[in-house]
Protein backbone atom coordinates (compact mmCIF):
# COMPACT_ATOMS: atom_id res chain seq x y z
CA MET A 1 -12.10 -10.12 -2.95
CA PRO A 2 -12.08 -6.45 -4.04
CA THR A 3 -9.80 -5.36 -6.86
CA PHE A 4 -7.17 -3.05 -5.37
CA GLN A 5 -5.10 -0.52 -7.30
CA ASP A 6 -2.76 0.95 -4.68
CA ILE A 7 -2.23 -2.00 -2.34
CA VAL A 8 -1.92 -5.76 -2.52
CA TYR A 9 -3.74 -7.87 0.04
CA ALA A 10 -2.87 -11.52 0.49
CA VAL A 11 -3.67 -14.21 3.03
CA GLU A 12 -0.69 -16.41 3.79
CA GLY A 13 -1.80 -19.09 6.23
CA PRO A 14 -2.81 -17.26 9.44
CA LEU A 15 -1.33 -13.98 8.22
CA GLY A 16 -3.07 -11.16 6.40
CA VAL A 17 -0.46 -9.14 4.50
CA ILE A 18 -1.19 -5.58 3.34
CA THR A 19 1.43 -4.22 0.93
CA LEU A 20 1.44 -0.54 0.00
CA ASN A 21 1.96 -0.74 -3.75
CA ARG A 22 2.77 2.64 -5.28
CA PRO A 23 6.54 2.22 -5.63
CA ASN A 24 6.66 4.84 -8.40
CA TYR A 25 5.53 7.38 -5.78
CA ARG A 26 7.48 5.70 -2.95
CA ASN A 27 4.17 4.53 -1.50
CA ALA A 28 2.76 7.99 -0.86
CA GLN A 29 -0.63 7.58 0.78
CA GLY A 30 -3.48 8.99 -1.26
CA TYR A 31 -7.09 8.72 -0.18
CA ARG A 32 -7.64 5.76 -2.51
CA MET A 33 -4.76 3.90 -0.90
CA LEU A 34 -6.12 4.67 2.57
CA ASP A 35 -9.57 3.43 1.56
CA GLU A 36 -8.01 0.24 0.24
CA ILE A 37 -5.96 -0.28 3.39
CA ASP A 38 -9.16 0.11 5.39
CA GLN A 39 -10.96 -2.40 3.17
CA ALA A 40 -8.11 -4.87 3.60
CA PHE A 41 -8.31 -4.51 7.38
CA GLY A 42 -12.04 -5.17 7.05
CA LEU A 43 -11.35 -8.39 5.16
CA ALA A 44 -8.81 -9.50 7.75
CA LYS A 45 -11.18 -8.69 10.59
CA VAL A 46 -13.98 -10.99 9.41
CA ASP A 47 -11.70 -13.81 8.23
CA PRO A 48 -11.33 -16.30 11.08
CA ALA A 49 -8.26 -17.78 9.40
CA VAL A 50 -6.35 -14.51 9.77
CA ARG A 51 -4.75 -14.20 13.20
CA VAL A 52 -2.15 -11.46 12.58
CA VAL A 53 -1.87 -8.61 10.05
CA ILE A 54 1.42 -7.40 8.57
CA VAL A 55 1.66 -3.99 6.85
CA ARG A 56 4.62 -3.41 4.55
CA GLY A 57 5.67 -1.38 1.51
CA ALA A 58 6.68 -2.43 -2.00
CA GLY A 59 9.90 -1.37 -3.66
CA GLY A 60 12.07 -1.19 -0.57
CA VAL A 61 10.21 1.78 0.92
CA PHE A 62 7.53 1.74 3.61
CA SER A 63 5.96 5.15 2.87
CA THR A 64 7.17 8.69 2.19
CA GLY A 65 4.02 10.19 3.67
CA HIS A 66 0.79 11.62 2.34
CA ASP A 67 0.18 12.07 -1.37
CA LEU A 68 0.43 15.84 -1.80
CA GLY A 69 -1.04 16.13 -5.28
CA THR A 70 -0.49 13.33 -7.78
CA PRO A 71 -3.06 13.35 -10.64
CA GLU A 72 -4.54 10.06 -9.43
CA ASP A 73 -5.14 11.34 -5.92
CA ARG A 74 -6.57 14.66 -7.06
CA ALA A 75 -9.05 12.83 -9.29
CA TYR A 76 -10.00 10.40 -6.52
CA ARG A 77 -10.60 13.18 -4.00
CA GLN A 78 -12.73 15.10 -6.48
CA GLY A 79 -14.75 11.95 -7.06
CA LEU A 80 -15.51 11.70 -3.35
CA GLY A 81 -17.44 14.97 -3.73
CA ALA A 82 -16.99 16.49 -0.27
CA ARG A 83 -18.27 20.07 -0.34
CA PRO A 84 -16.37 22.91 1.38
CA GLY A 85 -17.29 23.24 5.03
CA ILE A 86 -18.28 20.48 7.42
CA GLU A 87 -18.15 17.79 4.72
CA SER A 88 -14.52 18.63 3.97
CA TYR A 89 -13.72 18.64 7.70
CA ASP A 90 -15.38 15.25 8.18
CA GLN A 91 -13.49 13.84 5.21
CA PHE A 92 -10.16 15.15 6.48
CA LYS A 93 -10.81 13.72 9.94
CA THR A 94 -11.83 10.35 8.52
CA TYR A 95 -8.64 9.89 6.52
CA ASN A 96 -6.19 11.44 8.96
CA LEU A 97 -7.47 10.35 12.37
CA ASP A 98 -10.48 8.04 12.45
CA MET A 99 -9.02 5.37 10.18
CA LEU A 100 -5.75 5.31 12.08
CA LEU A 101 -7.47 5.02 15.43
CA ALA A 102 -9.57 2.17 14.03
CA TRP A 103 -6.43 0.38 12.85
CA ARG A 104 -4.79 1.01 16.22
CA ASN A 105 -7.79 -0.68 17.85
CA PHE A 106 -8.03 -3.48 15.27
CA PRO A 107 -9.04 -6.62 17.18
CA LYS A 108 -6.08 -8.73 16.03
CA PRO A 109 -2.33 -8.16 16.46
CA THR A 110 -0.72 -5.96 13.80
CA ILE A 111 2.89 -5.43 12.79
CA ALA A 112 4.54 -2.82 10.59
CA MET A 113 7.48 -4.14 8.58
CA VAL A 114 9.49 -1.02 7.74
CA GLU A 115 12.33 -0.59 5.29
CA GLY A 116 13.58 2.53 3.56
CA TYR A 117 11.79 5.78 4.22
CA CYS A 118 9.08 6.12 6.87
CA ILE A 119 8.10 9.79 6.72
CA TYR A 120 5.22 11.65 8.43
CA ALA A 121 2.11 9.67 7.35
CA GLY A 122 4.41 6.65 7.04
CA TRP A 123 5.29 7.14 10.71
CA MET A 124 1.57 7.56 11.49
CA LEU A 125 0.71 4.24 9.84
CA ALA A 126 3.60 2.34 11.42
CA ALA A 127 2.83 3.82 14.85
CA ALA A 128 -0.81 2.73 14.61
CA MET A 129 0.36 -0.88 14.46
CA ASP A 130 1.03 -2.87 17.63
CA VAL A 131 4.63 -3.79 16.84
CA VAL A 132 7.25 -2.33 14.50
CA PHE A 133 10.09 -4.35 12.98
CA ALA A 134 12.55 -2.36 10.87
CA ALA A 135 15.44 -3.00 8.53
CA ASP A 136 18.64 -1.33 9.61
CA ASN A 137 18.42 0.85 6.48
CA ALA A 138 15.06 2.32 7.53
CA GLU A 139 14.90 6.07 8.15
CA PHE A 140 12.16 7.73 10.18
CA LEU A 141 11.04 11.36 10.08
CA ALA A 142 8.79 12.79 12.79
CA GLY A 143 6.83 16.02 12.47
CA PHE A 144 3.68 17.76 13.61
CA VAL A 145 1.26 15.40 11.88
CA GLU A 146 -2.48 14.81 11.91
CA TYR A 147 -2.30 11.57 13.96
CA MET A 148 0.04 12.98 16.59
CA SER A 149 1.08 9.83 18.44
CA ILE A 150 4.75 10.83 18.47
CA PRO A 151 4.92 11.89 22.16
CA TRP A 152 3.68 8.40 23.08
CA ASP A 153 5.91 6.71 20.50
CA ILE A 154 9.20 8.21 21.68
CA GLY A 155 8.48 10.39 24.73
CA ILE A 156 7.74 14.10 25.10
CA ARG A 157 11.27 15.50 25.19
CA ARG A 158 12.51 13.37 22.31
CA ALA A 159 9.41 14.28 20.29
CA LYS A 160 10.13 17.97 20.84
CA GLU A 161 13.76 17.53 19.89
CA LEU A 162 13.03 15.78 16.60
CA CYS A 163 10.02 17.84 15.56
CA PHE A 164 11.77 21.12 16.35
CA GLU A 165 14.87 20.17 14.38
CA SER A 166 13.24 18.14 11.58
CA ARG A 167 15.79 15.39 11.04
CA PHE A 168 15.76 11.76 10.04
CA ILE A 169 16.58 9.13 12.62
CA THR A 170 17.97 5.69 11.93
CA ALA A 171 16.23 2.44 12.79
CA ASP A 172 18.67 1.99 15.67
CA GLU A 173 17.73 5.41 17.08
CA ALA A 174 14.04 4.65 16.61
CA SER A 175 14.54 1.44 18.56
CA GLN A 176 16.42 3.21 21.36
CA TYR A 177 13.62 5.78 21.60
CA GLY A 178 10.87 3.14 21.76
CA LEU A 179 9.15 3.32 18.35
CA VAL A 180 10.77 0.21 16.86
CA ASN A 181 10.75 -3.18 18.54
CA ARG A 182 13.47 -4.92 16.53
CA VAL A 183 16.11 -3.83 14.02
CA LEU A 184 17.18 -6.41 11.47
CA ALA A 185 19.43 -6.72 8.46
CA PRO A 186 17.42 -6.10 5.26
CA ALA A 187 18.04 -9.68 4.15
CA ASP A 188 16.55 -10.97 7.41
CA LEU A 189 13.62 -8.56 7.83
CA GLU A 190 10.92 -10.49 6.01
CA ARG A 191 11.92 -13.88 7.39
CA GLU A 192 12.10 -12.70 10.99
CA THR A 193 8.94 -10.59 10.78
CA TYR A 194 6.91 -13.45 9.34
CA ALA A 195 8.40 -15.93 11.82
CA TRP A 196 7.40 -13.71 14.74
CA ALA A 197 3.92 -13.23 13.32
CA MET A 198 3.52 -16.98 12.90
CA ARG A 199 4.48 -17.54 16.54
CA VAL A 200 1.92 -14.95 17.64
CA ALA A 201 -0.69 -16.63 15.46
CA GLU A 202 -0.30 -19.81 17.52
CA ASN A 203 -1.64 -18.01 20.59
CA SER A 204 -5.27 -17.98 21.64
CA PRO A 205 -7.30 -15.32 19.75
CA GLU A 206 -9.05 -14.51 23.03
CA ALA A 207 -5.77 -14.02 24.90
CA LEU A 208 -4.44 -11.82 22.11
CA ARG A 209 -7.63 -9.77 21.89
CA PHE A 210 -7.87 -9.03 25.60
CA ALA A 211 -4.15 -8.37 26.02
CA LYS A 212 -4.39 -5.75 23.28
CA ILE A 213 -7.55 -4.24 24.80
CA GLN A 214 -5.85 -3.91 28.18
CA MET A 215 -2.72 -2.30 26.80
CA ASN A 216 -4.67 0.16 24.67
CA LYS A 217 -6.81 0.97 27.70
CA ALA A 218 -3.66 1.72 29.69
CA GLN A 219 -2.57 4.15 26.97
CA ASP A 220 -6.01 5.74 26.83
CA ALA A 221 -5.94 6.20 30.61
CA GLN A 222 -2.99 8.52 29.92
CA GLY A 223 -5.19 10.49 27.52
CA PHE A 224 -3.94 9.06 24.22
CA THR A 225 -7.11 9.13 22.12
CA GLN A 226 -8.37 12.42 23.55
CA ALA A 227 -5.02 14.08 22.94
CA LEU A 228 -5.00 12.93 19.32
CA GLU A 229 -8.53 14.26 18.83
CA ASP A 230 -7.44 17.62 20.24
CA SER A 231 -4.25 17.68 18.20
CA LEU A 232 -6.14 17.29 14.94
CA GLY A 233 -7.84 20.63 15.63
CA ASP A 234 -4.45 22.25 16.26
CA TYR A 235 -3.16 20.78 13.01
CA GLN A 236 -6.03 22.24 11.02
CA ALA A 237 -5.58 25.62 12.70
CA MET A 238 -1.94 25.56 11.61
CA MET A 239 -2.88 24.65 8.05
CA TYR A 240 -5.21 27.63 7.73
CA LEU A 241 -3.10 30.30 9.41
CA PRO A 242 -3.04 33.44 7.24
CA GLY A 243 0.22 33.61 5.33
CA SER A 244 1.25 30.10 6.36
CA ALA A 245 3.53 28.43 3.79
CA MET A 246 3.75 24.69 4.37
CA ARG A 247 4.95 23.33 1.03
CA MET A 248 7.87 23.86 -1.28
CA GLU A 249 6.75 26.10 -4.12
CA GLY A 250 5.98 24.03 -7.21
CA GLU A 251 6.84 20.74 -5.51
CA ARG A 252 4.93 18.00 -3.69
CA ARG A 253 7.09 18.25 -0.58
CA LEU A 254 6.57 19.92 2.79
CA LEU A 255 9.08 22.57 3.81
CA THR A 256 9.88 20.66 6.98
CA VAL A 257 10.59 17.49 5.01
CA ASP A 258 12.81 19.46 2.64
CA LEU A 259 14.74 20.71 5.66
CA ALA A 260 15.31 17.13 6.81
CA VAL A 261 16.40 16.06 3.31
CA LYS A 262 18.90 18.92 3.20
CA GLY A 263 20.22 17.73 6.55
CA LYS A 264 20.78 14.26 5.11
CA ARG A 265 22.71 15.79 2.24
CA GLY A 266 24.75 18.07 4.44
CA GLU A 267 23.25 21.15 2.76
CA ARG A 268 21.95 22.95 5.83
CA PHE A 269 23.76 26.02 7.11
CA GLY A 270 25.51 26.39 3.75
CA LEU A 271 27.33 23.06 4.07
CA LYS A 272 27.88 20.84 1.06
CA PRO A 273 28.14 17.06 1.00
């Protein structure tokens, strides 16, 4: 078993449980964390005892998105040694698209167990899972992200509405829109998520595998994977637009996320809480 620093991986009977474990950074996803998540999926894939994988976050938060510059992540990225140019492009694509597509196509059922914040890359990770269970205190924030599954997650018009405005939605809203399967009281979330996963684990691995293949094929027939590949190019074009300002000055927060936070606090349009 590898030694992980940013996640915890445990096998509990037929369940493989991946826990994002950077609560001091609200489980922001650095490249090291993403590599460790991928390694954990690799362990679950080859372990015949594991029938279902659960992904969750420590500290009452699923994930507040990508790590935008902690010292640990900067050092890890530098250690990867990608040179400017095609190597940097390949690295960016690996961590922001290829891994997520691989997890989406993981050969066993997967479930995201979401509580607290689920922002941008948090949404990406949850959406790449087959099923999403959420606590009723979970809050989701959609935006123009690298793994742009949002039109499939909640529909085109709703995706436009939320991405244009940049606002958090509740777990109940996320369920109404189609991203979340079940909304549960925080005290019940773990018990009910694990109970559902255990029931799924009783099913035939072959039936589960082929049911998932067929449903992912149906989505791909609508252009899912190709659209996400195309969208990554649009995302990178946006990132490198001359004069484009994407982040808060001096802070590890995107401007669009800051707008949504101000909306939560009632600070937009000069309003005060």
